[in-house]
Amino acid sequence: LSAGRDDMSRELQALCFLAGANSIFVGGKLLTTPLPGQDEDSALFQALDLRPMGVGRTAEAVAAE
């Protein structure tokens, strides 16, 4: 999920993950489109029981934990 997330409800973003989305862009701004804040992203991940992979980590390394 990337541009436009700021206009999407939390529920719509959750549905995107349930439908197969596997990543988001984070930060203050994506080119000219604002993004939700880190607090909002953290709350969404916590509600969906998702864990961020972190920079430079592979899906295999995260799955092995």
PDB file of N, CA and C in Angstrom:
ATOM      1  N   LEU A   1       0.855  -1.167   0.000  1.00  0.00           N
ATOM      2  CA  LEU A   1       0.000   0.000   0.000  1.00  0.00           C
ATOM      3  C   LEU A   1       0.897   1.225   0.000  1.00  0.00           C
ATOM      4  N   SER A   2       0.552   2.202  -0.797  1.00  0.00           N
ATOM      5  CA  SER A   2       1.396   3.395  -0.844  1.00  0.00           C
ATOM      6  C   SER A   2       0.533   4.648  -0.950  1.00  0.00           C
ATOM      7  N   ALA A   3       0.661   5.370  -2.043  1.00  0.00           N
ATOM      8  CA  ALA A   3      -0.034   6.652  -2.189  1.00  0.00           C
ATOM      9  C   ALA A   3      -1.532   6.487  -1.981  1.00  0.00           C
ATOM     10  N   GLY A   4      -2.118   7.415  -1.253  1.00  0.00           N
ATOM     11  CA  GLY A   4      -3.547   7.371  -0.997  1.00  0.00           C
ATOM     12  C   GLY A   4      -3.930   6.763   0.331  1.00  0.00           C
ATOM     13  N   ARG A   5      -2.957   6.163   1.045  1.00  0.00           N
ATOM     14  CA  ARG A   5      -3.296   5.542   2.336  1.00  0.00           C
ATOM     15  C   ARG A   5      -3.829   6.555   3.321  1.00  0.00           C
ATOM     16  N   ASP A   6      -3.404   7.803   3.193  1.00  0.00           N
ATOM     17  CA  ASP A   6      -3.855   8.841   4.115  1.00  0.00           C
ATOM     18  C   ASP A   6      -5.364   9.066   3.991  1.00  0.00           C
ATOM     19  N   ASP A   7      -5.914   8.777   2.818  1.00  0.00           N
ATOM     20  CA  ASP A   7      -7.353   8.937   2.598  1.00  0.00           C
ATOM     21  C   ASP A   7      -8.135   7.653   2.851  1.00  0.00           C
ATOM     22  N   MET A   8      -7.437   6.553   3.137  1.00  0.00           N
ATOM     23  CA  MET A   8      -8.094   5.264   3.368  1.00  0.00           C
ATOM     24  C   MET A   8      -8.385   5.089   4.855  1.00  0.00           C
ATOM     25  N   SER A   9      -9.533   4.513   5.153  1.00  0.00           N
ATOM     26  CA  SER A   9      -9.840   4.218   6.553  1.00  0.00           C
ATOM     27  C   SER A   9      -8.954   3.073   7.039  1.00  0.00           C
ATOM     28  N   ARG A  10      -8.862   2.952   8.341  1.00  0.00           N
ATOM     29  CA  ARG A  10      -8.100   1.846   8.937  1.00  0.00           C
ATOM     30  C   ARG A  10      -8.688   0.509   8.492  1.00  0.00           C
ATOM     31  N   GLU A  11     -10.016   0.449   8.423  1.00  0.00           N
ATOM     32  CA  GLU A  11     -10.687  -0.785   8.019  1.00  0.00           C
ATOM     33  C   GLU A  11     -10.363  -1.154   6.570  1.00  0.00           C
ATOM     34  N   LEU A  12     -10.324  -0.154   5.689  1.00  0.00           N
ATOM     35  CA  LEU A  12     -10.003  -0.424   4.290  1.00  0.00           C
ATOM     36  C   LEU A  12      -8.563  -0.908   4.148  1.00  0.00           C
ATOM     37  N   GLN A  13      -7.645  -0.308   4.907  1.00  0.00           N
ATOM     38  CA  GLN A  13      -6.260  -0.767   4.874  1.00  0.00           C
ATOM     39  C   GLN A  13      -6.165  -2.204   5.389  1.00  0.00           C
ATOM     40  N   ALA A  14      -6.925  -2.522   6.430  1.00  0.00           N
ATOM     41  CA  ALA A  14      -6.932  -3.890   6.959  1.00  0.00           C
ATOM     42  C   ALA A  14      -7.440  -4.865   5.903  1.00  0.00           C
ATOM     43  N   LEU A  15      -8.491  -4.499   5.187  1.00  0.00           N
ATOM     44  CA  LEU A  15      -9.012  -5.358   4.122  1.00  0.00           C
ATOM     45  C   LEU A  15      -7.973  -5.579   3.030  1.00  0.00           C
ATOM     46  N   CYS A  16      -7.186  -4.554   2.730  1.00  0.00           N
ATOM     47  CA  CYS A  16      -6.129  -4.701   1.723  1.00  0.00           C
ATOM     48  C   CYS A  16      -5.122  -5.761   2.160  1.00  0.00           C
ATOM     49  N   PHE A  17      -4.747  -5.762   3.436  1.00  0.00           N
ATOM     50  CA  PHE A  17      -3.817  -6.786   3.930  1.00  0.00           C
ATOM     51  C   PHE A  17      -4.459  -8.167   3.882  1.00  0.00           C
ATOM     52  N   LEU A  18      -5.726  -8.263   4.239  1.00  0.00           N
ATOM     53  CA  LEU A  18      -6.416  -9.550   4.184  1.00  0.00           C
ATOM     54  C   LEU A  18      -6.553 -10.051   2.750  1.00  0.00           C
ATOM     55  N   ALA A  19      -6.574  -9.123   1.792  1.00  0.00           N
ATOM     56  CA  ALA A  19      -6.691  -9.489   0.376  1.00  0.00           C
ATOM     57  C   ALA A  19      -5.341  -9.802  -0.257  1.00  0.00           C
ATOM     58  N   GLY A  20      -4.255  -9.605   0.501  1.00  0.00           N
ATOM     59  CA  GLY A  20      -2.953  -9.997  -0.026  1.00  0.00           C
ATOM     60  C   GLY A  20      -1.877  -8.934  -0.057  1.00  0.00           C
ATOM     61  N   ALA A  21      -2.194  -7.698   0.312  1.00  0.00           N
ATOM     62  CA  ALA A  21      -1.139  -6.680   0.374  1.00  0.00           C
ATOM     63  C   ALA A  21      -0.076  -7.149   1.360  1.00  0.00           C
ATOM     64  N   ASN A  22       1.191  -6.911   1.042  1.00  0.00           N
ATOM     65  CA  ASN A  22       2.250  -7.395   1.928  1.00  0.00           C
ATOM     66  C   ASN A  22       3.282  -6.338   2.279  1.00  0.00           C
ATOM     67  N   SER A  23       2.994  -5.075   1.968  1.00  0.00           N
ATOM     68  CA  SER A  23       3.952  -4.028   2.328  1.00  0.00           C
ATOM     69  C   SER A  23       3.269  -2.668   2.331  1.00  0.00           C
ATOM     70  N   ILE A  24       3.902  -1.731   3.016  1.00  0.00           N
ATOM     71  CA  ILE A  24       3.451  -0.347   3.013  1.00  0.00           C
ATOM     72  C   ILE A  24       4.662   0.551   2.873  1.00  0.00           C
ATOM     73  N   PHE A  25       4.438   1.740   2.389  1.00  0.00           N
ATOM     74  CA  PHE A  25       5.464   2.771   2.390  1.00  0.00           C
ATOM     75  C   PHE A  25       5.247   3.601   3.644  1.00  0.00           C
ATOM     76  N   VAL A  26       6.322   3.902   4.346  1.00  0.00           N
ATOM     77  CA  VAL A  26       6.230   4.696   5.564  1.00  0.00           C
ATOM     78  C   VAL A  26       7.051   5.958   5.406  1.00  0.00           C
ATOM     79  N   GLY A  27       6.779   6.920   6.250  1.00  0.00           N
ATOM     80  CA  GLY A  27       7.490   8.189   6.220  1.00  0.00           C
ATOM     81  C   GLY A  27       6.483   9.321   6.243  1.00  0.00           C
ATOM     82  N   GLY A  28       6.975  10.523   6.149  1.00  0.00           N
ATOM     83  CA  GLY A  28       6.104  11.686   6.211  1.00  0.00           C
ATOM     84  C   GLY A  28       5.372  11.959   4.922  1.00  0.00           C
ATOM     85  N   LYS A  29       6.012  11.651   3.794  1.00  0.00           N
ATOM     86  CA  LYS A  29       5.428  12.022   2.511  1.00  0.00           C
ATOM     87  C   LYS A  29       5.952  11.106   1.417  1.00  0.00           C
ATOM     88  N   LEU A  30       5.095  10.723   0.496  1.00  0.00           N
ATOM     89  CA  LEU A  30       5.475   9.929  -0.662  1.00  0.00           C
ATOM     90  C   LEU A  30       5.358  10.850  -1.868  1.00  0.00           C
ATOM     91  N   LEU A  31       6.485  11.371  -2.324  1.00  0.00           N
ATOM     92  CA  LEU A  31       6.518  12.399  -3.370  1.00  0.00           C
ATOM     93  C   LEU A  31       5.646  13.573  -2.948  1.00  0.00           C
ATOM     94  N   THR A  32       4.429  13.659  -3.433  1.00  0.00           N
ATOM     95  CA  THR A  32       3.558  14.783  -3.067  1.00  0.00           C
ATOM     96  C   THR A  32       2.352  14.349  -2.256  1.00  0.00           C
ATOM     97  N   THR A  33       2.277  13.068  -1.918  1.00  0.00           N
ATOM     98  CA  THR A  33       1.129  12.525  -1.192  1.00  0.00           C
ATOM     99  C   THR A  33       1.502  12.240   0.255  1.00  0.00           C
ATOM    100  N   PRO A  34       0.768  12.806   1.217  1.00  0.00           N
ATOM    101  CA  PRO A  34       1.072  12.502   2.618  1.00  0.00           C
ATOM    102  C   PRO A  34       0.753  11.047   2.952  1.00  0.00           C
ATOM    103  N   LEU A  35       1.443  10.522   3.944  1.00  0.00           N
ATOM    104  CA  LEU A  35       1.213   9.162   4.431  1.00  0.00           C
ATOM    105  C   LEU A  35       0.755   9.229   5.880  1.00  0.00           C
ATOM    106  N   PRO A  36       0.039   8.191   6.352  1.00  0.00           N
ATOM    107  CA  PRO A  36      -0.318   8.153   7.775  1.00  0.00           C
ATOM    108  C   PRO A  36       0.947   8.176   8.634  1.00  0.00           C
ATOM    109  N   GLY A  37       0.823   8.649   9.840  1.00  0.00           N
ATOM    110  CA  GLY A  37       1.967   8.708  10.736  1.00  0.00           C
ATOM    111  C   GLY A  37       2.370   7.341  11.261  1.00  0.00           C
ATOM    112  N   GLN A  38       3.557   7.290  11.850  1.00  0.00           N
ATOM    113  CA  GLN A  38       4.076   6.033  12.377  1.00  0.00           C
ATOM    114  C   GLN A  38       3.174   5.475  13.469  1.00  0.00           C
ATOM    115  N   ASP A  39       2.593   6.341  14.289  1.00  0.00           N
ATOM    116  CA  ASP A  39       1.692   5.868  15.348  1.00  0.00           C
ATOM    117  C   ASP A  39       0.479   5.155  14.757  1.00  0.00           C
ATOM    118  N   GLU A  40      -0.080   5.711  13.679  1.00  0.00           N
ATOM    119  CA  GLU A  40      -1.236   5.084  13.035  1.00  0.00           C
ATOM    120  C   GLU A  40      -0.852   3.745  12.416  1.00  0.00           C
ATOM    121  N   ASP A  41       0.317   3.692  11.769  1.00  0.00           N
ATOM    122  CA  ASP A  41       0.780   2.434  11.177  1.00  0.00           C
ATOM    123  C   ASP A  41       1.025   1.385  12.251  1.00  0.00           C
ATOM    124  N   SER A  42       1.640   1.782  13.350  1.00  0.00           N
ATOM    125  CA  SER A  42       1.905   0.840  14.444  1.00  0.00           C
ATOM    126  C   SER A  42       0.603   0.297  15.024  1.00  0.00           C
ATOM    127  N   ALA A  43      -0.391   1.167  15.193  1.00  0.00           N
ATOM    128  CA  ALA A  43      -1.684   0.728  15.724  1.00  0.00           C
ATOM    129  C   ALA A  43      -2.364  -0.244  14.764  1.00  0.00           C
ATOM    130  N   LEU A  44      -2.279   0.027  13.460  1.00  0.00           N
ATOM    131  CA  LEU A  44      -2.866  -0.875  12.468  1.00  0.00           C
ATOM    132  C   LEU A  44      -2.184  -2.231  12.513  1.00  0.00           C
ATOM    133  N   PHE A  45      -0.854  -2.238  12.543  1.00  0.00           N
ATOM    134  CA  PHE A  45      -0.117  -3.501  12.596  1.00  0.00           C
ATOM    135  C   PHE A  45      -0.461  -4.274  13.862  1.00  0.00           C
ATOM    136  N   GLN A  46      -0.568  -3.576  14.989  1.00  0.00           N
ATOM    137  CA  GLN A  46      -0.895  -4.250  16.246  1.00  0.00           C
ATOM    138  C   GLN A  46      -2.301  -4.848  16.177  1.00  0.00           C
ATOM    139  N   ALA A  47      -3.257  -4.110  15.624  1.00  0.00           N
ATOM    140  CA  ALA A  47      -4.630  -4.610  15.518  1.00  0.00           C
ATOM    141  C   ALA A  47      -4.714  -5.838  14.617  1.00  0.00           C
ATOM    142  N   LEU A  48      -3.844  -5.905  13.599  1.00  0.00           N
ATOM    143  CA  LEU A  48      -3.857  -7.036  12.665  1.00  0.00           C
ATOM    144  C   LEU A  48      -2.871  -8.126  13.056  1.00  0.00           C
ATOM    145  N   ASP A  49      -2.195  -7.939  14.191  1.00  0.00           N
ATOM    146  CA  ASP A  49      -1.174  -8.881  14.666  1.00  0.00           C
ATOM    147  C   ASP A  49      -0.079  -9.093  13.615  1.00  0.00           C
ATOM    148  N   LEU A  50       0.362  -7.975  13.000  1.00  0.00           N
ATOM    149  CA  LEU A  50       1.445  -8.001  12.019  1.00  0.00           C
ATOM    150  C   LEU A  50       2.706  -7.441  12.651  1.00  0.00           C
ATOM    151  N   ARG A  51       3.856  -7.922  12.195  1.00  0.00           N
ATOM    152  CA  ARG A  51       5.139  -7.410  12.674  1.00  0.00           C
ATOM    153  C   ARG A  51       5.920  -6.860  11.490  1.00  0.00           C
ATOM    154  N   PRO A  52       6.447  -5.647  11.610  1.00  0.00           N
ATOM    155  CA  PRO A  52       7.278  -5.131  10.519  1.00  0.00           C
ATOM    156  C   PRO A  52       8.561  -5.937  10.409  1.00  0.00           C
ATOM    157  N   MET A  53       9.027  -6.161   9.182  1.00  0.00           N
ATOM    158  CA  MET A  53      10.244  -6.945   8.955  1.00  0.00           C
ATOM    159  C   MET A  53      11.502  -6.171   9.322  1.00  0.00           C
ATOM    160  N   GLY A  54      11.499  -4.878   9.149  1.00  0.00           N
ATOM    161  CA  GLY A  54      12.711  -4.104   9.377  1.00  0.00           C
ATOM    162  C   GLY A  54      13.526  -4.016   8.099  1.00  0.00           C
ATOM    163  N   VAL A  55      14.410  -3.086   8.065  1.00  0.00           N
ATOM    164  CA  VAL A  55      15.225  -2.839   6.879  1.00  0.00           C
ATOM    165  C   VAL A  55      16.248  -3.950   6.684  1.00  0.00           C
ATOM    166  N   GLY A  56      16.345  -4.453   5.469  1.00  0.00           N
ATOM    167  CA  GLY A  56      17.369  -5.432   5.135  1.00  0.00           C
ATOM    168  C   GLY A  56      17.092  -6.850   5.581  1.00  0.00           C
ATOM    169  N   ARG A  57      15.911  -7.134   6.103  1.00  0.00           N
ATOM    170  CA  ARG A  57      15.590  -8.489   6.548  1.00  0.00           C
ATOM    171  C   ARG A  57      14.774  -9.193   5.484  1.00  0.00           C
ATOM    172  N   THR A  58      14.937 -10.481   5.396  1.00  0.00           N
ATOM    173  CA  THR A  58      14.174 -11.268   4.429  1.00  0.00           C
ATOM    174  C   THR A  58      12.966 -11.898   5.105  1.00  0.00           C
ATOM    175  N   ALA A  59      11.990 -12.269   4.305  1.00  0.00           N
ATOM    176  CA  ALA A  59      10.800 -12.937   4.838  1.00  0.00           C
ATOM    177  C   ALA A  59      11.176 -14.243   5.520  1.00  0.00           C
ATOM    178  N   GLU A  60      12.180 -14.927   4.988  1.00  0.00           N
ATOM    179  CA  GLU A  60      12.613 -16.198   5.578  1.00  0.00           C
ATOM    180  C   GLU A  60      13.178 -15.993   6.980  1.00  0.00           C
ATOM    181  N   ALA A  61      13.954 -14.932   7.165  1.00  0.00           N
ATOM    182  CA  ALA A  61      14.537 -14.653   8.479  1.00  0.00           C
ATOM    183  C   ALA A  61      13.451 -14.330   9.497  1.00  0.00           C
ATOM    184  N   VAL A  62      12.448 -13.566   9.089  1.00  0.00           N
ATOM    185  CA  VAL A  62      11.351 -13.221   9.992  1.00  0.00           C
ATOM    186  C   VAL A  62      10.538 -14.465  10.328  1.00  0.00           C
ATOM    187  N   ALA A  63      10.267 -15.312   9.344  1.00  0.00           N
ATOM    188  CA  ALA A  63       9.479 -16.529   9.570  1.00  0.00           C
ATOM    189  C   ALA A  63      10.192 -17.500  10.501  1.00  0.00           C
ATOM    190  N   ALA A  64      11.519 -17.471  10.508  1.00  0.00           N
ATOM    191  CA  ALA A  64      12.292 -18.387  11.347  1.00  0.00           C
ATOM    192  C   ALA A  64      12.254 -18.001  12.821  1.00  0.00           C
ATOM    193  N   GLU A  65      11.826 -16.792  13.133  1.00  0.00           N
ATOM    194  CA  GLU A  65      11.792 -16.341  14.537  1.00  0.00           C
ATOM    195  C   GLU A  65      10.688 -17.010  15.315  1.00  0.00           C
TER     196      GLU A  65
END
